[in-house]
């Protein structure tokens, strides 16, 4: 079973102690975000976990707890050129870069996927701005990562009010921008991949991305899992079980689709018990709890 830690929140940055406590307990409860009464009981025992996939903007706690993680892992590492007006609560980017380099030395560059996304354009963050700072980041990260995943911002309903001034590139300008990104990345031995796009950009040298990448899994001797049918059609990710919860991340990024209320997330964090069985709303006693496990033959069992 592949455990996603987590698309819904930054567990490594804010809840790593809790996650290690759940590893030690051997299981974690996960509330269905569409039905609060449905709880999955997910095993975190070594024999049941093939791999963890960490999603984070700050890998310092992954480094700290590395020796306590009971299965192989890969890291989806988001690092952009935005500052505090867009990513309000991130630590200094130089510190993050240093930790990426350190983590790469620990686990190997093939297990870290750099995400320069989402790409958004407003008056301050122009095409030239992105290209200038993307190259600076490539320069810093050369040799520590192999791939960079990019995508353009999607203005979901819950973030629309915060992204009223975003601009779109026309088809010609977008192609030119992508060509320049590929050119820059190649200078630093980095391959560009595109996440979730309906357009095939392979003619520009941009590969189609799988966040939970079959190639990376195979390099870790993990095989037999199939495409996640619960993700959108354009997503090629391998199936996994996500153990996170929405409205719990403190980064305060204005483009975030996983937080509908940043104040709510801060209140949750302030009162969170690191020994809780689940991340999110506490159990009330009216839930139906069922074991969940993904087998390599693509069958999902509930009992």
Protein backbone atom coordinates (compact mmCIF):
# COMPACT_ATOMS: atom_id res chain seq x y z
CA UNK A 1 0.00 0.00 0.00
CA UNK A 2 1.25 3.50 -0.88
CA UNK A 3 0.47 6.16 1.72
CA UNK A 4 0.11 9.79 0.62
CA UNK A 5 1.26 12.18 3.37
CA UNK A 6 -0.62 14.30 2.14
CA UNK A 7 -2.25 16.12 -0.79
CA UNK A 8 -4.70 17.72 1.66
CA UNK A 9 -2.23 19.41 4.01
CA UNK A 10 1.48 19.74 4.75
CA UNK A 11 1.92 16.94 7.29
CA UNK A 12 5.76 17.01 7.13
CA UNK A 13 5.88 20.72 8.00
CA UNK A 14 3.30 20.80 10.79
CA UNK A 15 2.29 17.31 11.91
CA UNK A 16 5.37 15.12 11.62
CA UNK A 17 5.42 14.28 15.32
CA UNK A 18 1.80 13.13 15.02
CA UNK A 19 2.68 11.04 11.96
CA UNK A 20 5.54 9.30 13.79
CA UNK A 21 3.17 8.62 16.69
CA UNK A 22 0.78 6.96 14.25
CA UNK A 23 3.60 4.84 12.80
CA UNK A 24 4.42 3.71 16.33
CA UNK A 25 0.75 2.92 16.94
CA UNK A 26 0.62 0.93 13.68
CA UNK A 27 -2.48 2.58 12.22
CA UNK A 28 -4.19 5.87 11.47
CA UNK A 29 -7.83 6.86 11.10
CA UNK A 30 -8.83 8.95 8.07
CA UNK A 31 -12.16 10.75 7.83
CA UNK A 32 -13.82 10.77 4.41
CA UNK A 33 -13.84 14.48 3.41
CA UNK A 34 -17.17 13.94 1.63
CA UNK A 35 -18.85 12.06 4.48
CA UNK A 36 -17.73 12.79 8.05
CA UNK A 37 -19.32 9.59 9.38
CA UNK A 38 -17.07 7.36 7.26
CA UNK A 39 -13.70 6.59 8.84
CA UNK A 40 -10.99 4.44 7.24
CA UNK A 41 -8.68 2.46 9.49
CA UNK A 42 -5.38 2.47 7.58
CA UNK A 43 -2.52 0.22 8.64
CA UNK A 44 0.90 1.82 8.98
CA UNK A 45 2.63 -1.41 9.90
CA UNK A 46 5.88 -2.02 8.07
CA UNK A 47 4.54 -5.14 6.36
CA UNK A 48 1.55 -3.21 4.95
CA UNK A 49 3.28 -0.03 3.71
CA UNK A 50 5.20 -0.19 0.43
CA UNK A 51 6.05 3.50 0.34
CA UNK A 52 5.24 6.91 1.79
CA UNK A 53 4.84 9.93 -0.47
CA UNK A 54 5.46 13.16 1.42
CA UNK A 55 4.07 16.44 0.03
CA UNK A 56 5.68 19.49 1.60
CA UNK A 57 7.01 23.01 1.29
CA UNK A 58 9.49 22.50 4.14
CA UNK A 59 11.37 19.18 4.50
CA UNK A 60 13.19 19.97 7.76
CA UNK A 61 11.01 17.64 9.86
CA UNK A 62 11.39 14.79 7.36
CA UNK A 63 15.14 15.10 7.89
CA UNK A 64 14.68 15.24 11.66
CA UNK A 65 12.55 12.08 11.80
CA UNK A 66 14.22 10.21 8.93
CA UNK A 67 15.41 7.30 11.07
CA UNK A 68 11.92 6.76 12.53
CA UNK A 69 10.13 6.37 9.19
CA UNK A 70 9.38 2.66 8.80
CA UNK A 71 9.21 2.34 4.99
CA UNK A 72 10.88 3.78 1.87
CA UNK A 73 9.69 7.24 0.91
CA UNK A 74 9.78 9.86 -1.80
CA UNK A 75 9.15 13.59 -1.47
CA UNK A 76 7.03 15.97 -3.54
CA UNK A 77 8.83 19.22 -2.71
CA UNK A 78 7.13 22.50 -3.64
CA UNK A 79 9.54 25.41 -4.02
CA UNK A 80 8.48 28.52 -5.90
CA UNK A 81 9.78 32.06 -6.34
CA UNK A 82 6.85 33.71 -4.52
CA UNK A 83 7.38 35.76 -1.38
CA UNK A 84 5.17 36.57 1.62
CA UNK A 85 2.34 38.17 -0.35
CA UNK A 86 1.55 34.78 -1.90
CA UNK A 87 3.09 32.23 0.48
CA UNK A 88 2.53 33.98 3.78
CA UNK A 89 4.04 31.71 6.42
CA UNK A 90 6.92 29.89 4.79
CA UNK A 91 10.41 30.01 6.30
CA UNK A 92 13.27 31.64 4.42
CA UNK A 93 13.69 30.09 0.96
CA UNK A 94 17.44 29.75 1.43
CA UNK A 95 16.80 27.56 4.48
CA UNK A 96 14.38 25.42 2.48
CA UNK A 97 16.90 25.04 -0.34
CA UNK A 98 19.62 23.97 2.10
CA UNK A 99 17.27 21.32 3.52
CA UNK A 100 16.40 20.01 0.05
CA UNK A 101 20.10 19.59 -0.68
CA UNK A 102 20.62 17.85 2.65
CA UNK A 103 17.67 15.52 2.11
CA UNK A 104 18.88 14.69 -1.39
CA UNK A 105 22.20 13.56 0.04
CA UNK A 106 20.31 11.35 2.49
CA UNK A 107 17.84 9.61 0.17
CA UNK A 108 19.06 10.35 -3.36
CA UNK A 109 18.04 12.91 -5.96
CA UNK A 110 15.81 10.39 -7.74
CA UNK A 111 13.41 10.34 -4.77
CA UNK A 112 12.83 14.09 -4.63
CA UNK A 113 10.48 15.73 -7.13
CA UNK A 114 10.77 19.50 -7.20
CA UNK A 115 7.46 21.23 -7.86
CA UNK A 116 7.61 24.76 -9.25
CA UNK A 117 3.87 25.17 -9.13
CA UNK A 118 1.36 26.58 -9.40
CA UNK A 119 2.62 29.19 -11.84
CA UNK A 120 0.52 32.35 -11.68
CA UNK A 121 0.95 35.67 -13.40
CA UNK A 122 0.06 39.01 -11.83
CA UNK A 123 1.63 42.47 -12.11
CA UNK A 124 4.51 41.53 -9.79
CA UNK A 125 5.00 37.93 -10.94
CA UNK A 126 5.58 38.40 -14.64
CA UNK A 127 7.02 36.02 -17.21
CA UNK A 128 10.44 37.62 -16.81
CA UNK A 129 10.24 37.38 -13.02
CA UNK A 130 9.45 33.65 -13.14
CA UNK A 131 12.21 32.92 -15.62
CA UNK A 132 14.80 34.88 -13.64
CA UNK A 133 14.06 33.22 -10.32
CA UNK A 134 13.40 29.80 -11.80
CA UNK A 135 16.96 29.87 -13.13
CA UNK A 136 18.30 30.91 -9.74
CA UNK A 137 16.52 27.97 -8.12
CA UNK A 138 17.79 25.58 -10.81
CA UNK A 139 21.31 26.81 -10.12
CA UNK A 140 20.96 26.17 -6.39
CA UNK A 141 19.39 22.73 -6.86
CA UNK A 142 21.61 21.37 -9.64
CA UNK A 143 22.67 17.86 -8.76
CA UNK A 144 20.16 17.57 -5.90
CA UNK A 145 17.06 16.95 -8.01
CA UNK A 146 16.44 15.38 -11.41
CA UNK A 147 12.92 16.54 -12.24
CA UNK A 148 10.85 19.68 -11.91
CA UNK A 149 7.07 19.45 -12.17
CA UNK A 150 5.23 22.56 -13.29
CA UNK A 151 1.59 23.52 -13.72
CA UNK A 152 -0.36 26.71 -14.22
CA UNK A 153 -2.64 27.92 -11.46
CA UNK A 154 -6.25 26.77 -11.45
CA UNK A 155 -8.53 29.36 -9.88
CA UNK A 156 -10.80 27.11 -7.85
CA UNK A 157 -13.99 28.62 -6.45
CA UNK A 158 -12.64 28.70 -2.88
CA UNK A 159 -9.55 30.77 -3.88
CA UNK A 160 -11.15 32.97 -6.54
CA UNK A 161 -11.55 35.93 -4.19
CA UNK A 162 -7.83 35.90 -3.38
CA UNK A 163 -6.70 35.59 -7.00
CA UNK A 164 -8.73 38.30 -8.70
CA UNK A 165 -5.78 39.83 -10.56
CA UNK A 166 -4.29 36.76 -12.19
CA UNK A 167 -3.48 36.95 -15.88
CA UNK A 168 -3.43 34.27 -18.55
CA UNK A 169 -0.93 33.92 -21.37
CA UNK A 170 -2.17 33.45 -24.89
CA UNK A 171 -1.18 30.25 -26.65
CA UNK A 172 1.86 31.73 -28.39
CA UNK A 173 3.23 33.42 -25.26
CA UNK A 174 2.62 30.33 -23.16
CA UNK A 175 4.55 28.15 -25.60
CA UNK A 176 7.44 30.63 -25.62
CA UNK A 177 7.45 30.71 -21.81
CA UNK A 178 7.56 26.92 -21.60
CA UNK A 179 10.36 26.73 -24.18
CA UNK A 180 12.41 29.12 -22.07
CA UNK A 181 11.78 27.08 -18.92
CA UNK A 182 12.93 23.92 -20.67
CA UNK A 183 16.04 25.70 -21.99
CA UNK A 184 16.93 26.93 -18.49
CA UNK A 185 16.31 23.58 -16.82
CA UNK A 186 18.47 21.70 -19.32
CA UNK A 187 21.45 23.89 -18.45
CA UNK A 188 21.26 22.46 -14.93
CA UNK A 189 20.50 18.85 -15.93
CA UNK A 190 16.87 19.09 -14.84
CA UNK A 191 13.97 17.60 -16.80
CA UNK A 192 10.66 19.47 -16.89
CA UNK A 193 7.39 17.61 -16.40
CA UNK A 194 3.87 19.01 -16.66
CA UNK A 195 1.19 18.09 -14.12
CA UNK A 196 -2.48 17.60 -14.98
CA UNK A 197 -2.49 19.27 -18.40
CA UNK A 198 -4.85 18.37 -21.24
CA UNK A 199 -2.23 19.59 -23.71
CA UNK A 200 0.63 17.37 -24.80
CA UNK A 201 3.86 19.38 -24.54
CA UNK A 202 6.28 16.59 -25.33
CA UNK A 203 7.18 18.40 -28.57
CA UNK A 204 8.73 21.07 -26.32
CA UNK A 205 10.68 18.50 -24.32
CA UNK A 206 8.20 18.51 -21.42
CA UNK A 207 7.23 15.08 -20.15
CA UNK A 208 3.83 14.14 -18.74
CA UNK A 209 4.02 14.00 -14.98
CA UNK A 210 2.93 11.45 -12.44
CA UNK A 211 3.26 12.93 -8.95
CA UNK A 212 3.25 9.43 -7.51
CA UNK A 213 5.55 8.31 -10.28
CA UNK A 214 5.73 4.71 -11.46
CA UNK A 215 9.35 5.17 -12.55
CA UNK A 216 10.43 6.43 -9.13
CA UNK A 217 8.53 3.63 -7.41
CA UNK A 218 10.23 1.04 -9.61
CA UNK A 219 13.63 2.51 -8.68
CA UNK A 220 12.61 1.71 -5.10
CA UNK A 221 11.65 -1.86 -6.14
CA UNK A 222 7.94 -1.04 -5.73
CA UNK A 223 5.77 -2.47 -8.51
CA UNK A 224 2.28 -3.73 -9.19
CA UNK A 225 0.13 -0.69 -8.39
CA UNK A 226 -2.06 0.93 -11.03
CA UNK A 227 -3.33 4.41 -11.92
CA UNK A 228 -5.43 6.08 -9.25
CA UNK A 229 -8.95 6.07 -10.69
CA UNK A 230 -10.13 8.54 -8.04
CA UNK A 231 -7.95 11.37 -9.36
CA UNK A 232 -8.96 13.55 -12.31
CA UNK A 233 -8.71 12.04 -15.77
CA UNK A 234 -5.55 13.92 -16.73
CA UNK A 235 -3.77 12.77 -13.55
CA UNK A 236 -1.53 9.76 -14.11
CA UNK A 237 -0.66 9.18 -10.46
CA UNK A 238 -0.37 5.69 -9.05
CA UNK A 239 -3.09 4.84 -6.51
CA UNK A 240 -2.53 5.64 -2.87
CA UNK A 241 -4.33 6.23 0.41
CA UNK A 242 -4.23 9.83 1.62
CA UNK A 243 -4.15 10.29 5.40
CA UNK A 244 -4.48 14.08 5.56
CA UNK A 245 -7.34 16.47 6.22
CA UNK A 246 -8.37 19.77 4.63
CA UNK A 247 -8.27 23.08 6.53
CA UNK A 248 -5.26 22.12 8.65
CA UNK A 249 -2.28 23.72 6.86
CA UNK A 250 -0.66 26.88 8.23
CA UNK A 251 1.36 28.04 5.22
CA UNK A 252 -1.39 30.50 4.25
CA UNK A 253 -0.76 30.33 0.50
CA UNK A 254 -3.33 32.37 -1.38
CA UNK A 255 -3.60 29.81 -4.19
CA UNK A 256 -4.30 26.89 -1.83
CA UNK A 257 -7.28 24.71 -2.75
CA UNK A 258 -6.99 22.62 0.44
CA UNK A 259 -7.77 25.44 2.88
CA UNK A 260 -11.11 27.22 2.68
CA UNK A 261 -10.38 29.18 5.87
CA UNK A 262 -6.85 29.94 7.06
CA UNK A 263 -8.09 31.12 10.47
CA UNK A 264 -9.85 27.79 10.93
CA UNK A 265 -6.60 25.98 10.13
CA UNK A 266 -4.68 28.05 12.68
CA UNK A 267 -7.29 27.34 15.37
CA UNK A 268 -7.17 23.62 14.61
CA UNK A 269 -3.37 23.56 14.87
CA UNK A 270 -3.38 25.46 18.16
CA UNK A 271 -5.64 22.84 19.76
CA UNK A 272 -4.36 19.70 18.03
CA UNK A 273 -3.33 16.67 20.08
CA UNK A 274 -0.30 14.95 18.53
CA UNK A 275 -1.56 11.65 19.98
CA UNK A 276 -4.89 11.85 18.14
CA UNK A 277 -5.86 8.82 16.07
CA UNK A 278 -6.67 11.04 13.10
CA UNK A 279 -5.79 14.40 11.64
CA UNK A 280 -8.88 16.56 11.58
CA UNK A 281 -12.20 16.72 13.39
CA UNK A 282 -12.20 14.53 16.51
CA UNK A 283 -14.26 11.36 16.69
CA UNK A 284 -17.77 11.90 18.04
CA UNK A 285 -18.88 8.28 18.34
CA UNK A 286 -21.38 8.16 15.48
CA UNK A 287 -18.83 7.18 12.82
CA UNK A 288 -18.56 3.89 10.93
CA UNK A 289 -14.94 2.71 11.05
CA UNK A 290 -13.75 0.23 8.42
CA UNK A 291 -10.28 -1.07 7.57
CA UNK A 292 -8.94 0.08 4.20
CA UNK A 293 -6.14 -1.48 2.23
CA UNK A 294 -5.00 -1.35 -1.40
CA UNK A 295 -3.54 -4.57 -2.72
CA UNK A 296 -1.24 -4.83 -5.71
CA UNK A 297 -3.93 -6.61 -7.71
CA UNK A 298 -5.83 -3.28 -7.61
CA UNK A 299 -8.52 -4.51 -5.25
CA UNK A 300 -9.56 -2.23 -2.41
CA UNK A 301 -10.72 -4.14 0.66
CA UNK A 302 -12.89 -2.72 3.39
CA UNK A 303 -12.88 -5.75 5.70
